[in-house]
């Protein structure tokens, strides 16, 4: 292991401990490999902003994993996944979980399919489609989004994929007070939780929603 890789391994390990997570060696290696692929493909495929490439661990991977305690057991759908966030790190931590990563940008889905093959994530599928047109192969217990859209637009886009028991987890920066006030009556706000991400000073919140089925 090179010095820089060893340093990143140590930083990842410390960050995961800060989140109360203790993944096995295989998961650690997969997370490090994912970080390496993000750097390799990131600029060409516009996966993250250029200035973010030096801050991938805290701002993206640890940020994604900060919602791990809120994810229910069972299949997960990550909407507008982009570079696979938060769905791919969550899948790496729990490789037995069925995870569907969906995005309308073809080049991002090509990157995701490459990573899924490289890391041997057999229960992860990357789908090139708009979520509004997506027909679910399974019943999802959790649907996640990170910087996808407003809360109302998120809930509307995935309503046909959710049951009353499905939890919608929307990752936000500051508390989205105006978005919460704009939610339609068929959406219930179950919680709004501040998130503490090791190495990240920015304000982060997780909004957990449930929806009633569409007409």
Foldseek 3Di string as FASTA:
>chain_A
DDPVLVVVLVVLCVQCVVLVHDADPLLSVLVSVLLVLCLVCCPVLVLDPPVCNVVCRQVFALLQCLCVVVADPAEEEEAQCRLNGPNPSSCSRPLVHQYEYEHQDPSSLVSVVVSCVVSVSPRYYYYNDHLQPDDDPDQHQEYEYEPPDQPQVVCVSCLQRHAQNHKYKYKDFPDPVVSVVPHDPQKDWPDKAWTDGPPDPTTIIITIIGGHHDD
